[in-house]
Amino acid sequence: MTAATDMTSLPAGGMVTRRAPKAGFDRLFRTASFTAALLVLVLLAGIMVSMVVGGWPAFREFGFGFITSTVWDTQNEQYGAWPAIVGTLSTALIALVIGVPLSLGIAVYLTQLAPAWFKKPVSTAIELLAAVPSIIYGMWGLFVFVPLFAQYVQIPVSNVVEGMPILGTVLYSRSPSGLGIFTAGFILAFMIVPFIASITRDMLEQIPSVLRESAYGIGATTWEVVRHVLVPQAGVSIIGAIMLGLGRALGETMAVTFVVGNANRLSASILDPGSTIASRIANEFNEAMGLQLNSLIALGCILFFVTFVVLCIARLLVSRVKRY
């Protein structure tokens, strides 16, 4: 084809005109996109309304005392959520204390220190851990970790700290069976590690290499590069990853139900059995009727509110990091 032929194929003005899209297809696309976005809001509103309606009889019957009460008596129709709330927050906090440093260490090692031949297997193993069902973690915790923890940690520690002013309260176990708040938090820590580590690793890898090379060029050590270059650059993403792990820890059901002990009591020791909101609902929902069922749904409302507060805190932290 010659240049002359190409010239003759152009419009008289010398510019190629683009055919306008069909108005009907564009309108359909906008409507479908709006419907998809609206569906999320409708679904969220429906969940909130159903939870409030189902739990309202319990809130009406017990008032604010439902949150502060420690009694859960199905025979006398007396229900209180405080032990489950404390157990939920305690296990999630323990999971973060153990899981976050471990996750950040894994992410930093994979992006800064790991040799090429070792990086791929570890990354694959982390992704596989994220795909393991929660009930598998619970079974491993119950049949493997719990007996070892009771024999080699709970009993020796209880014998050492018994009678001490503070440690004797926090670390002494009256029934060293291996089940307890700390055990549940420990299992949750390993459940949230794959999520936090994977997201943090991806964010650290996306940081331009020129920043790291410049820091190394002026004599910075690996720790200084991580502390002053990588973490500030990926701060928002790290906070988001931690909050994603926290959400997983707050709402986890089956794994916690296996190892938390399911005891409806408050204890100052983290080694004693306890319960969480999710484990209480899982244990009693199938057989619950009347006010007990309403109380379990009210527990679900409280858990929903807790996760909402966590989301608000995450948004606030992210906005502060972006500002600075």
C-alpha atoms as a PDB file:
ATOM      1  CA  MET A   1       0.000   0.000   0.000  1.00  0.00           C
ATOM      2  CA  THR A   2       1.492   3.374  -1.013  1.00  0.00           C
ATOM      3  CA  ALA A   3       1.606   6.636   0.846  1.00  0.00           C
ATOM      4  CA  ALA A   4      -0.776   8.134  -1.687  1.00  0.00           C
ATOM      5  CA  THR A   5      -3.333   5.471  -0.948  1.00  0.00           C
ATOM      6  CA  ASP A   6      -2.977   6.158   2.787  1.00  0.00           C
ATOM      7  CA  MET A   7      -3.539   9.831   2.207  1.00  0.00           C
ATOM      8  CA  THR A   8      -6.700   9.220   0.234  1.00  0.00           C
ATOM      9  CA  SER A   9      -8.133   7.125   3.063  1.00  0.00           C
ATOM     10  CA  LEU A  10      -8.078  10.076   5.487  1.00  0.00           C
ATOM     11  CA  PRO A  11     -11.011  12.481   5.799  1.00  0.00           C
ATOM     12  CA  ALA A  12     -10.870  15.824   4.037  1.00  0.00           C
ATOM     13  CA  GLY A  13      -9.772  17.635   7.208  1.00  0.00           C
ATOM     14  CA  GLY A  14      -6.804  15.320   7.686  1.00  0.00           C
ATOM     15  CA  MET A  15      -8.110  13.948  11.032  1.00  0.00           C
ATOM     16  CA  VAL A  16      -9.539  10.533  11.814  1.00  0.00           C
ATOM     17  CA  THR A  17     -13.002  10.780  13.317  1.00  0.00           C
ATOM     18  CA  ARG A  18     -14.037   8.428  16.148  1.00  0.00           C
ATOM     19  CA  ARG A  19     -17.504   6.997  16.079  1.00  0.00           C
ATOM     20  CA  ALA A  20     -19.508   8.087  19.109  1.00  0.00           C
ATOM     21  CA  PRO A  21     -20.544   5.278  21.463  1.00  0.00           C
ATOM     22  CA  LYS A  22     -24.147   4.256  21.467  1.00  0.00           C
ATOM     23  CA  ALA A  23     -26.142   6.176  24.051  1.00  0.00           C
ATOM     24  CA  GLY A  24     -28.130   3.100  25.066  1.00  0.00           C
ATOM     25  CA  PHE A  25     -25.044   1.027  25.922  1.00  0.00           C
ATOM     26  CA  ASP A  26     -23.506   3.869  27.911  1.00  0.00           C
ATOM     27  CA  ARG A  27     -26.718   4.320  29.888  1.00  0.00           C
ATOM     28  CA  LEU A  28     -26.882   0.576  30.588  1.00  0.00           C
ATOM     29  CA  PHE A  29     -23.286   0.552  31.803  1.00  0.00           C
ATOM     30  CA  ARG A  30     -23.897   3.459  34.176  1.00  0.00           C
ATOM     31  CA  THR A  31     -27.047   1.837  35.527  1.00  0.00           C
ATOM     32  CA  ALA A  32     -25.308  -1.493  36.117  1.00  0.00           C
ATOM     33  CA  SER A  33     -22.410   0.182  37.910  1.00  0.00           C
ATOM     34  CA  PHE A  34     -24.752   2.216  40.103  1.00  0.00           C
ATOM     35  CA  THR A  35     -26.791  -0.891  40.917  1.00  0.00           C
ATOM     36  CA  ALA A  36     -23.673  -2.805  41.960  1.00  0.00           C
ATOM     37  CA  ALA A  37     -22.601   0.018  44.278  1.00  0.00           C
ATOM     38  CA  LEU A  38     -26.103   0.428  45.681  1.00  0.00           C
ATOM     39  CA  LEU A  39     -26.386  -3.307  46.327  1.00  0.00           C
ATOM     40  CA  VAL A  40     -23.536  -3.137  48.839  1.00  0.00           C
ATOM     41  CA  LEU A  41     -25.246  -0.361  50.782  1.00  0.00           C
ATOM     42  CA  VAL A  42     -28.591  -2.156  50.726  1.00  0.00           C
ATOM     43  CA  LEU A  43     -26.997  -5.392  51.910  1.00  0.00           C
ATOM     44  CA  LEU A  44     -25.186  -3.614  54.753  1.00  0.00           C
ATOM     45  CA  ALA A  45     -28.340  -1.789  55.795  1.00  0.00           C
ATOM     46  CA  GLY A  46     -30.294  -5.047  55.694  1.00  0.00           C
ATOM     47  CA  ILE A  47     -27.788  -6.783  57.952  1.00  0.00           C
ATOM     48  CA  MET A  48     -27.831  -3.896  60.417  1.00  0.00           C
ATOM     49  CA  VAL A  49     -31.618  -3.722  60.539  1.00  0.00           C
ATOM     50  CA  SER A  50     -32.056  -7.482  60.954  1.00  0.00           C
ATOM     51  CA  MET A  51     -29.486  -7.594  63.763  1.00  0.00           C
ATOM     52  CA  VAL A  52     -31.041  -4.659  65.602  1.00  0.00           C
ATOM     53  CA  VAL A  53     -34.575  -6.028  65.246  1.00  0.00           C
ATOM     54  CA  GLY A  54     -33.519  -9.484  66.396  1.00  0.00           C
ATOM     55  CA  GLY A  55     -31.511  -8.233  69.365  1.00  0.00           C
ATOM     56  CA  TRP A  56     -33.839  -5.449  70.469  1.00  0.00           C
ATOM     57  CA  PRO A  57     -35.878  -7.631  72.906  1.00  0.00           C
ATOM     58  CA  ALA A  58     -32.678  -8.391  74.845  1.00  0.00           C
ATOM     59  CA  PHE A  59     -31.638  -4.735  74.965  1.00  0.00           C
ATOM     60  CA  ARG A  60     -35.173  -3.775  76.018  1.00  0.00           C
ATOM     61  CA  GLU A  61     -35.272  -6.436  78.727  1.00  0.00           C
ATOM     62  CA  PHE A  62     -31.850  -5.823  80.287  1.00  0.00           C
ATOM     63  CA  GLY A  63     -30.998  -2.322  79.108  1.00  0.00           C
ATOM     64  CA  PHE A  64     -27.384  -1.215  79.406  1.00  0.00           C
ATOM     65  CA  GLY A  65     -26.926  -3.942  81.993  1.00  0.00           C
ATOM     66  CA  PHE A  66     -26.805  -6.454  79.154  1.00  0.00           C
ATOM     67  CA  ILE A  67     -23.376  -5.092  78.223  1.00  0.00           C
ATOM     68  CA  THR A  68     -22.005  -4.800  81.775  1.00  0.00           C
ATOM     69  CA  SER A  69     -23.478  -7.949  83.315  1.00  0.00           C
ATOM     70  CA  THR A  70     -21.344 -11.073  83.771  1.00  0.00           C
ATOM     71  CA  VAL A  71     -24.270 -13.487  84.225  1.00  0.00           C
ATOM     72  CA  TRP A  72     -25.277 -15.915  81.490  1.00  0.00           C
ATOM     73  CA  ASP A  73     -27.948 -18.140  83.026  1.00  0.00           C
ATOM     74  CA  THR A  74     -30.209 -19.935  80.558  1.00  0.00           C
ATOM     75  CA  GLN A  75     -32.315 -21.443  83.337  1.00  0.00           C
ATOM     76  CA  ASN A  76     -33.323 -18.107  84.859  1.00  0.00           C
ATOM     77  CA  GLU A  77     -33.288 -16.150  81.598  1.00  0.00           C
ATOM     78  CA  GLN A  78     -30.512 -13.817  82.712  1.00  0.00           C
ATOM     79  CA  TYR A  79     -27.952 -12.826  80.112  1.00  0.00           C
ATOM     80  CA  GLY A  80     -24.907 -10.573  80.123  1.00  0.00           C
ATOM     81  CA  ALA A  81     -22.337  -9.901  77.416  1.00  0.00           C
ATOM     82  CA  TRP A  82     -19.359  -8.569  79.362  1.00  0.00           C
ATOM     83  CA  PRO A  83     -17.292 -11.815  79.624  1.00  0.00           C
ATOM     84  CA  ALA A  84     -17.699 -12.448  75.893  1.00  0.00           C
ATOM     85  CA  ILE A  85     -16.765  -8.850  75.043  1.00  0.00           C
ATOM     86  CA  VAL A  86     -13.648  -8.978  77.205  1.00  0.00           C
ATOM     87  CA  GLY A  87     -12.697 -12.358  75.741  1.00  0.00           C
ATOM     88  CA  THR A  88     -13.106 -11.077  72.187  1.00  0.00           C
ATOM     89  CA  LEU A  89     -10.957  -8.007  72.763  1.00  0.00           C
ATOM     90  CA  SER A  90      -8.347  -9.940  74.772  1.00  0.00           C
ATOM     91  CA  THR A  91      -7.828 -12.658  72.174  1.00  0.00           C
ATOM     92  CA  ALA A  92      -7.637 -10.089  69.363  1.00  0.00           C
ATOM     93  CA  LEU A  93      -5.099  -8.006  71.309  1.00  0.00           C
ATOM     94  CA  ILE A  94      -2.929 -11.052  72.027  1.00  0.00           C
ATOM     95  CA  ALA A  95      -3.113 -12.013  68.350  1.00  0.00           C
ATOM     96  CA  LEU A  96      -1.911  -8.558  67.310  1.00  0.00           C
ATOM     97  CA  VAL A  97       0.898  -8.470  69.880  1.00  0.00           C
ATOM     98  CA  ILE A  98       2.226 -11.798  68.586  1.00  0.00           C
ATOM     99  CA  GLY A  99       1.233 -11.636  64.920  1.00  0.00           C
ATOM    100  CA  VAL A 100       2.133  -8.083  63.876  1.00  0.00           C
ATOM    101  CA  PRO A 101       5.883  -8.189  64.700  1.00  0.00           C
ATOM    102  CA  LEU A 102       6.109 -11.663  63.170  1.00  0.00           C
ATOM    103  CA  SER A 103       4.337 -10.510  60.005  1.00  0.00           C
ATOM    104  CA  LEU A 104       6.447  -7.386  59.609  1.00  0.00           C
ATOM    105  CA  GLY A 105       9.608  -9.410  60.166  1.00  0.00           C
ATOM    106  CA  ILE A 106       8.591 -11.882  57.465  1.00  0.00           C
ATOM    107  CA  ALA A 107       7.769  -9.091  55.015  1.00  0.00           C
ATOM    108  CA  VAL A 108      11.044  -7.258  55.624  1.00  0.00           C
ATOM    109  CA  TYR A 109      13.086 -10.442  55.326  1.00  0.00           C
ATOM    110  CA  LEU A 110      11.446 -11.455  52.062  1.00  0.00           C
ATOM    111  CA  THR A 111      11.912  -8.036  50.483  1.00  0.00           C
ATOM    112  CA  GLN A 112      15.337  -7.062  51.837  1.00  0.00           C
ATOM    113  CA  LEU A 113      17.349 -10.022  53.060  1.00  0.00           C
ATOM    114  CA  ALA A 114      16.111 -13.324  51.625  1.00  0.00           C
ATOM    115  CA  PRO A 115      18.147 -14.936  48.807  1.00  0.00           C
ATOM    116  CA  ALA A 116      16.306 -15.521  45.554  1.00  0.00           C
ATOM    117  CA  TRP A 117      16.217 -19.314  45.931  1.00  0.00           C
ATOM    118  CA  PHE A 118      14.589 -19.069  49.378  1.00  0.00           C
ATOM    119  CA  LYS A 119      12.193 -16.195  48.704  1.00  0.00           C
ATOM    120  CA  LYS A 120       9.773 -18.057  46.431  1.00  0.00           C
ATOM    121  CA  PRO A 121       9.144 -21.091  48.717  1.00  0.00           C
ATOM    122  CA  VAL A 122       8.512 -18.906  51.760  1.00  0.00           C
ATOM    123  CA  SER A 123       6.159 -16.622  49.833  1.00  0.00           C
ATOM    124  CA  THR A 124       4.231 -19.638  48.549  1.00  0.00           C
ATOM    125  CA  ALA A 125       3.993 -21.113  52.044  1.00  0.00           C
ATOM    126  CA  ILE A 126       2.556 -17.867  53.409  1.00  0.00           C
ATOM    127  CA  GLU A 127      -0.073 -17.769  50.676  1.00  0.00           C
ATOM    128  CA  LEU A 128      -0.991 -21.390  51.389  1.00  0.00           C
ATOM    129  CA  LEU A 129      -1.431 -20.614  55.091  1.00  0.00           C
ATOM    130  CA  ALA A 130      -3.989 -17.961  54.161  1.00  0.00           C
ATOM    131  CA  ALA A 131      -6.015 -20.634  52.336  1.00  0.00           C
ATOM    132  CA  VAL A 132      -6.112 -23.093  55.254  1.00  0.00           C
ATOM    133  CA  PRO A 133      -9.676 -23.321  56.697  1.00  0.00           C
ATOM    134  CA  SER A 134     -10.078 -21.975  60.201  1.00  0.00           C
ATOM    135  CA  ILE A 135     -11.370 -25.299  61.502  1.00  0.00           C
ATOM    136  CA  ILE A 136      -8.005 -26.870  60.607  1.00  0.00           C
ATOM    137  CA  TYR A 137      -6.265 -24.304  62.802  1.00  0.00           C
ATOM    138  CA  GLY A 138      -8.730 -25.131  65.555  1.00  0.00           C
ATOM    139  CA  MET A 139      -8.149 -28.878  65.298  1.00  0.00           C
ATOM    140  CA  TRP A 140      -4.378 -28.420  65.244  1.00  0.00           C
ATOM    141  CA  GLY A 141      -4.624 -26.152  68.261  1.00  0.00           C
ATOM    142  CA  LEU A 142      -6.835 -28.553  70.212  1.00  0.00           C
ATOM    143  CA  PHE A 143      -5.034 -31.817  69.496  1.00  0.00           C
ATOM    144  CA  VAL A 144      -1.420 -30.662  69.124  1.00  0.00           C
ATOM    145  CA  PHE A 145      -0.783 -27.253  70.665  1.00  0.00           C
ATOM    146  CA  VAL A 146      -3.068 -27.455  73.716  1.00  0.00           C
ATOM    147  CA  PRO A 147      -1.489 -30.588  75.303  1.00  0.00           C
ATOM    148  CA  LEU A 148       2.054 -29.322  74.680  1.00  0.00           C
ATOM    149  CA  PHE A 149       1.208 -25.855  75.983  1.00  0.00           C
ATOM    150  CA  ALA A 150      -0.368 -27.248  79.147  1.00  0.00           C
ATOM    151  CA  GLN A 151       2.541 -29.570  79.925  1.00  0.00           C
ATOM    152  CA  TYR A 152       5.495 -27.377  79.041  1.00  0.00           C
ATOM    153  CA  VAL A 153       4.204 -23.851  79.633  1.00  0.00           C
ATOM    154  CA  GLN A 154       1.084 -23.586  81.800  1.00  0.00           C
ATOM    155  CA  ILE A 155       2.099 -25.949  84.591  1.00  0.00           C
ATOM    156  CA  PRO A 156       5.735 -24.744  84.922  1.00  0.00           C
ATOM    157  CA  VAL A 157       4.731 -21.071  84.717  1.00  0.00           C
ATOM    158  CA  SER A 158       1.929 -21.505  87.272  1.00  0.00           C
ATOM    159  CA  ASN A 159       4.333 -23.188  89.686  1.00  0.00           C
ATOM    160  CA  VAL A 160       6.814 -20.328  89.346  1.00  0.00           C
ATOM    161  CA  VAL A 161       4.473 -17.317  89.551  1.00  0.00           C
ATOM    162  CA  GLU A 162       2.101 -18.665  92.205  1.00  0.00           C
ATOM    163  CA  GLY A 163       1.850 -16.121  95.009  1.00  0.00           C
ATOM    164  CA  MET A 164       3.576 -13.284  93.136  1.00  0.00           C
ATOM    165  CA  PRO A 165       1.776  -9.907  93.306  1.00  0.00           C
ATOM    166  CA  ILE A 166       1.222  -9.189  89.583  1.00  0.00           C
ATOM    167  CA  LEU A 167       2.536 -12.131  87.590  1.00  0.00           C
ATOM    168  CA  GLY A 168       0.735 -14.484  89.942  1.00  0.00           C
ATOM    169  CA  THR A 169      -2.539 -12.877  88.893  1.00  0.00           C
ATOM    170  CA  VAL A 170      -1.925 -12.582  85.169  1.00  0.00           C
ATOM    171  CA  LEU A 171      -0.070 -15.841  84.474  1.00  0.00           C
ATOM    172  CA  TYR A 172      -1.344 -18.256  87.115  1.00  0.00           C
ATOM    173  CA  SER A 173      -3.760 -20.903  85.849  1.00  0.00           C
ATOM    174  CA  ARG A 174      -6.148 -22.584  88.252  1.00  0.00           C
ATOM    175  CA  SER A 175      -6.868 -25.386  85.790  1.00  0.00           C
ATOM    176  CA  PRO A 176      -3.837 -25.864  83.504  1.00  0.00           C
ATOM    177  CA  SER A 177      -5.611 -27.740  80.735  1.00  0.00           C
ATOM    178  CA  GLY A 178      -4.036 -25.756  77.897  1.00  0.00           C
ATOM    179  CA  LEU A 179      -7.341 -24.129  76.967  1.00  0.00           C
ATOM    180  CA  GLY A 180      -7.725 -20.432  77.553  1.00  0.00           C
ATOM    181  CA  ILE A 181      -7.651 -16.856  76.328  1.00  0.00           C
ATOM    182  CA  PHE A 182      -3.941 -16.880  75.561  1.00  0.00           C
ATOM    183  CA  THR A 183      -4.227 -20.128  73.594  1.00  0.00           C
ATOM    184  CA  ALA A 184      -6.990 -18.664  71.453  1.00  0.00           C
ATOM    185  CA  GLY A 185      -4.977 -15.492  70.883  1.00  0.00           C
ATOM    186  CA  PHE A 186      -1.912 -17.537  69.955  1.00  0.00           C
ATOM    187  CA  ILE A 187      -3.849 -19.524  67.346  1.00  0.00           C
ATOM    188  CA  LEU A 188      -5.386 -16.327  65.997  1.00  0.00           C
ATOM    189  CA  ALA A 189      -1.917 -14.805  65.652  1.00  0.00           C
ATOM    190  CA  PHE A 190      -0.905 -17.506  63.195  1.00  0.00           C
ATOM    191  CA  MET A 191      -4.176 -17.078  61.338  1.00  0.00           C
ATOM    192  CA  ILE A 192      -3.656 -13.366  60.717  1.00  0.00           C
ATOM    193  CA  VAL A 193       0.065 -13.593  59.888  1.00  0.00           C
ATOM    194  CA  PRO A 194      -0.490 -14.636  56.226  1.00  0.00           C
ATOM    195  CA  PHE A 195      -2.770 -11.658  55.535  1.00  0.00           C
ATOM    196  CA  ILE A 196      -0.612  -9.003  57.174  1.00  0.00           C
ATOM    197  CA  ALA A 197       2.667 -10.441  55.861  1.00  0.00           C
ATOM    198  CA  SER A 198       1.432 -10.809  52.271  1.00  0.00           C
ATOM    199  CA  ILE A 199       0.007  -7.299  52.016  1.00  0.00           C
ATOM    200  CA  THR A 200       3.033  -5.720  53.687  1.00  0.00           C
ATOM    201  CA  ARG A 201       5.415  -7.650  51.434  1.00  0.00           C
ATOM    202  CA  ASP A 202       3.590  -6.502  48.315  1.00  0.00           C
ATOM    203  CA  MET A 203       3.624  -2.891  49.459  1.00  0.00           C
ATOM    204  CA  LEU A 204       7.341  -2.959  50.304  1.00  0.00           C
ATOM    205  CA  GLU A 205       8.143  -4.441  46.897  1.00  0.00           C
ATOM    206  CA  GLN A 206       6.291  -1.594  45.171  1.00  0.00           C
ATOM    207  CA  ILE A 207       8.494   1.080  46.772  1.00  0.00           C
ATOM    208  CA  PRO A 208      10.897   2.433  44.105  1.00  0.00           C
ATOM    209  CA  SER A 209      14.298   0.816  44.427  1.00  0.00           C
ATOM    210  CA  VAL A 210      16.005   4.177  43.941  1.00  0.00           C
ATOM    211  CA  LEU A 211      14.932   5.166  47.460  1.00  0.00           C
ATOM    212  CA  ARG A 212      16.594   2.123  49.019  1.00  0.00           C
ATOM    213  CA  GLU A 213      19.701   2.484  46.856  1.00  0.00           C
ATOM    214  CA  SER A 214      20.033   6.141  47.774  1.00  0.00           C
ATOM    215  CA  ALA A 215      19.827   5.333  51.477  1.00  0.00           C
ATOM    216  CA  TYR A 216      22.417   2.583  51.155  1.00  0.00           C
ATOM    217  CA  GLY A 217      24.584   4.931  49.116  1.00  0.00           C
ATOM    218  CA  ILE A 218      24.876   7.440  51.968  1.00  0.00           C
ATOM    219  CA  GLY A 219      25.891   4.689  54.386  1.00  0.00           C
ATOM    220  CA  ALA A 220      22.575   3.678  55.944  1.00  0.00           C
ATOM    221  CA  THR A 221      22.283   0.226  57.462  1.00  0.00           C
ATOM    222  CA  THR A 222      19.506  -2.222  56.641  1.00  0.00           C
ATOM    223  CA  TRP A 223      17.675  -1.317  59.856  1.00  0.00           C
ATOM    224  CA  GLU A 224      17.913   2.400  59.057  1.00  0.00           C
ATOM    225  CA  VAL A 225      16.609   1.803  55.539  1.00  0.00           C
ATOM    226  CA  VAL A 226      13.645  -0.140  56.899  1.00  0.00           C
ATOM    227  CA  ARG A 227      12.965   2.313  59.721  1.00  0.00           C
ATOM    228  CA  HIS A 228      13.379   5.607  57.867  1.00  0.00           C
ATOM    229  CA  VAL A 229      12.608   4.740  54.241  1.00  0.00           C
ATOM    230  CA  LEU A 230      10.403   1.670  53.822  1.00  0.00           C
ATOM    231  CA  VAL A 231       8.073   1.972  56.817  1.00  0.00           C
ATOM    232  CA  PRO A 232       7.174   5.659  56.220  1.00  0.00           C
ATOM    233  CA  GLN A 233       6.538   4.970  52.544  1.00  0.00           C
ATOM    234  CA  ALA A 234       4.302   1.953  53.217  1.00  0.00           C
ATOM    235  CA  GLY A 235       2.806   3.191  56.492  1.00  0.00           C
ATOM    236  CA  VAL A 236      -0.763   3.515  55.225  1.00  0.00           C
ATOM    237  CA  SER A 237      -0.725   0.058  53.669  1.00  0.00           C
ATOM    238  CA  ILE A 238       0.764  -1.504  56.817  1.00  0.00           C
ATOM    239  CA  ILE A 239      -1.993   0.017  58.941  1.00  0.00           C
ATOM    240  CA  GLY A 240      -4.587  -1.310  56.508  1.00  0.00           C
ATOM    241  CA  ALA A 241      -3.041  -4.777  56.655  1.00  0.00           C
ATOM    242  CA  ILE A 242      -3.037  -4.750  60.458  1.00  0.00           C
ATOM    243  CA  MET A 243      -6.677  -3.680  60.570  1.00  0.00           C
ATOM    244  CA  LEU A 244      -7.562  -6.451  58.117  1.00  0.00           C
ATOM    245  CA  GLY A 245      -5.894  -8.925  60.457  1.00  0.00           C
ATOM    246  CA  LEU A 246      -7.674  -7.420  63.444  1.00  0.00           C
ATOM    247  CA  GLY A 247     -11.013  -7.824  61.702  1.00  0.00           C
ATOM    248  CA  ARG A 248     -10.202 -11.483  61.073  1.00  0.00           C
ATOM    249  CA  ALA A 249      -9.253 -11.948  64.726  1.00  0.00           C
ATOM    250  CA  LEU A 250     -12.392 -10.274  66.083  1.00  0.00           C
ATOM    251  CA  GLY A 251     -14.797 -12.304  63.980  1.00  0.00           C
ATOM    252  CA  GLU A 252     -13.070 -15.717  63.998  1.00  0.00           C
ATOM    253  CA  THR A 253     -15.400 -18.449  65.242  1.00  0.00           C
ATOM    254  CA  MET A 254     -14.473 -22.099  64.827  1.00  0.00           C
ATOM    255  CA  ALA A 255     -10.772 -21.987  65.676  1.00  0.00           C
ATOM    256  CA  VAL A 256     -11.461 -19.948  68.806  1.00  0.00           C
ATOM    257  CA  THR A 257     -14.357 -22.176  69.831  1.00  0.00           C
ATOM    258  CA  PHE A 258     -12.023 -25.180  69.828  1.00  0.00           C
ATOM    259  CA  VAL A 259      -9.351 -23.730  72.125  1.00  0.00           C
ATOM    260  CA  VAL A 260     -10.769 -20.845  74.199  1.00  0.00           C
ATOM    261  CA  GLY A 261     -12.362 -23.112  76.806  1.00  0.00           C
ATOM    262  CA  ASN A 262     -15.911 -21.665  76.438  1.00  0.00           C
ATOM    263  CA  ALA A 263     -16.168 -20.695  80.115  1.00  0.00           C
ATOM    264  CA  ASN A 264     -18.571 -17.886  80.925  1.00  0.00           C
ATOM    265  CA  ARG A 265     -16.489 -16.178  83.567  1.00  0.00           C
ATOM    266  CA  LEU A 266     -14.025 -13.362  83.906  1.00  0.00           C
ATOM    267  CA  SER A 267     -10.513 -14.068  85.065  1.00  0.00           C
ATOM    268  CA  ALA A 268      -7.519 -11.816  85.516  1.00  0.00           C
ATOM    269  CA  SER A 269      -5.273 -14.591  84.194  1.00  0.00           C
ATOM    270  CA  ILE A 270      -4.836 -14.856  80.440  1.00  0.00           C
ATOM    271  CA  LEU A 271      -4.149 -18.581  80.848  1.00  0.00           C
ATOM    272  CA  ASP A 272      -7.622 -19.360  82.213  1.00  0.00           C
ATOM    273  CA  PRO A 273     -10.525 -20.457  79.964  1.00  0.00           C
ATOM    274  CA  GLY A 274     -12.916 -17.836  78.695  1.00  0.00           C
ATOM    275  CA  SER A 275     -15.244 -17.132  75.779  1.00  0.00           C
ATOM    276  CA  THR A 276     -15.708 -14.730  72.899  1.00  0.00           C
ATOM    277  CA  ILE A 277     -18.784 -13.332  71.214  1.00  0.00           C
ATOM    278  CA  ALA A 278     -18.327 -15.536  68.161  1.00  0.00           C
ATOM    279  CA  SER A 279     -17.713 -18.703  70.186  1.00  0.00           C
ATOM    280  CA  ARG A 280     -20.757 -18.043  72.389  1.00  0.00           C
ATOM    281  CA  ILE A 281     -22.985 -17.645  69.346  1.00  0.00           C
ATOM    282  CA  ALA A 282     -21.550 -20.759  67.696  1.00  0.00           C
ATOM    283  CA  ASN A 283     -22.064 -22.895  70.799  1.00  0.00           C
ATOM    284  CA  GLU A 284     -25.645 -21.903  71.584  1.00  0.00           C
ATOM    285  CA  PHE A 285     -27.320 -20.575  68.449  1.00  0.00           C
ATOM    286  CA  ASN A 286     -28.682 -23.897  67.150  1.00  0.00           C
ATOM    287  CA  GLU A 287     -30.571 -24.667  70.352  1.00  0.00           C
ATOM    288  CA  ALA A 288     -31.456 -21.106  71.403  1.00  0.00           C
ATOM    289  CA  MET A 289     -35.061 -19.989  71.713  1.00  0.00           C
ATOM    290  CA  GLY A 290     -36.887 -16.941  72.932  1.00  0.00           C
ATOM    291  CA  LEU A 291     -34.881 -14.457  74.962  1.00  0.00           C
ATOM    292  CA  GLN A 292     -31.720 -16.546  74.658  1.00  0.00           C
ATOM    293  CA  LEU A 293     -31.879 -16.273  70.883  1.00  0.00           C
ATOM    294  CA  ASN A 294     -32.474 -12.530  71.132  1.00  0.00           C
ATOM    295  CA  SER A 295     -29.490 -12.216  73.454  1.00  0.00           C
ATOM    296  CA  LEU A 296     -27.249 -14.061  71.007  1.00  0.00           C
ATOM    297  CA  ILE A 297     -28.361 -11.761  68.193  1.00  0.00           C
ATOM    298  CA  ALA A 298     -27.687  -8.824  70.503  1.00  0.00           C
ATOM    299  CA  LEU A 299     -24.161 -10.176  70.944  1.00  0.00           C
ATOM    300  CA  GLY A 300     -23.879 -10.107  67.164  1.00  0.00           C
ATOM    301  CA  CYS A 301     -24.937  -6.446  67.206  1.00  0.00           C
ATOM    302  CA  ILE A 302     -22.199  -5.675  69.711  1.00  0.00           C
ATOM    303  CA  LEU A 303     -19.619  -7.469  67.576  1.00  0.00           C
ATOM    304  CA  PHE A 304     -20.820  -5.517  64.546  1.00  0.00           C
ATOM    305  CA  PHE A 305     -20.428  -2.277  66.491  1.00  0.00           C
ATOM    306  CA  VAL A 306     -16.930  -3.237  67.653  1.00  0.00           C
ATOM    307  CA  THR A 307     -15.813  -3.925  64.087  1.00  0.00           C
ATOM    308  CA  PHE A 308     -17.324  -0.605  63.008  1.00  0.00           C
ATOM    309  CA  VAL A 309     -15.323   1.226  65.699  1.00  0.00           C
ATOM    310  CA  VAL A 310     -12.172  -0.584  64.557  1.00  0.00           C
ATOM    311  CA  LEU A 311     -12.860   0.578  60.993  1.00  0.00           C
ATOM    312  CA  CYS A 312     -13.277   4.177  62.160  1.00  0.00           C
ATOM    313  CA  ILE A 313      -9.999   4.009  64.084  1.00  0.00           C
ATOM    314  CA  ALA A 314      -8.276   2.588  61.004  1.00  0.00           C
ATOM    315  CA  ARG A 315      -9.609   5.427  58.852  1.00  0.00           C
ATOM    316  CA  LEU A 316      -8.403   7.955  61.418  1.00  0.00           C
ATOM    317  CA  LEU A 317      -4.920   6.434  61.566  1.00  0.00           C
ATOM    318  CA  VAL A 318      -4.667   6.299  57.795  1.00  0.00           C
ATOM    319  CA  SER A 319      -5.682   9.939  57.457  1.00  0.00           C
ATOM    320  CA  ARG A 320      -3.074  10.984  60.040  1.00  0.00           C
ATOM    321  CA  VAL A 321      -0.345   9.024  58.255  1.00  0.00           C
ATOM    322  CA  LYS A 322      -1.279  10.605  54.919  1.00  0.00           C
ATOM    323  CA  ARG A 323      -1.242  14.066  56.509  1.00  0.00           C
ATOM    324  CA  TYR A 324       2.258  13.636  57.857  1.00  0.00           C
END
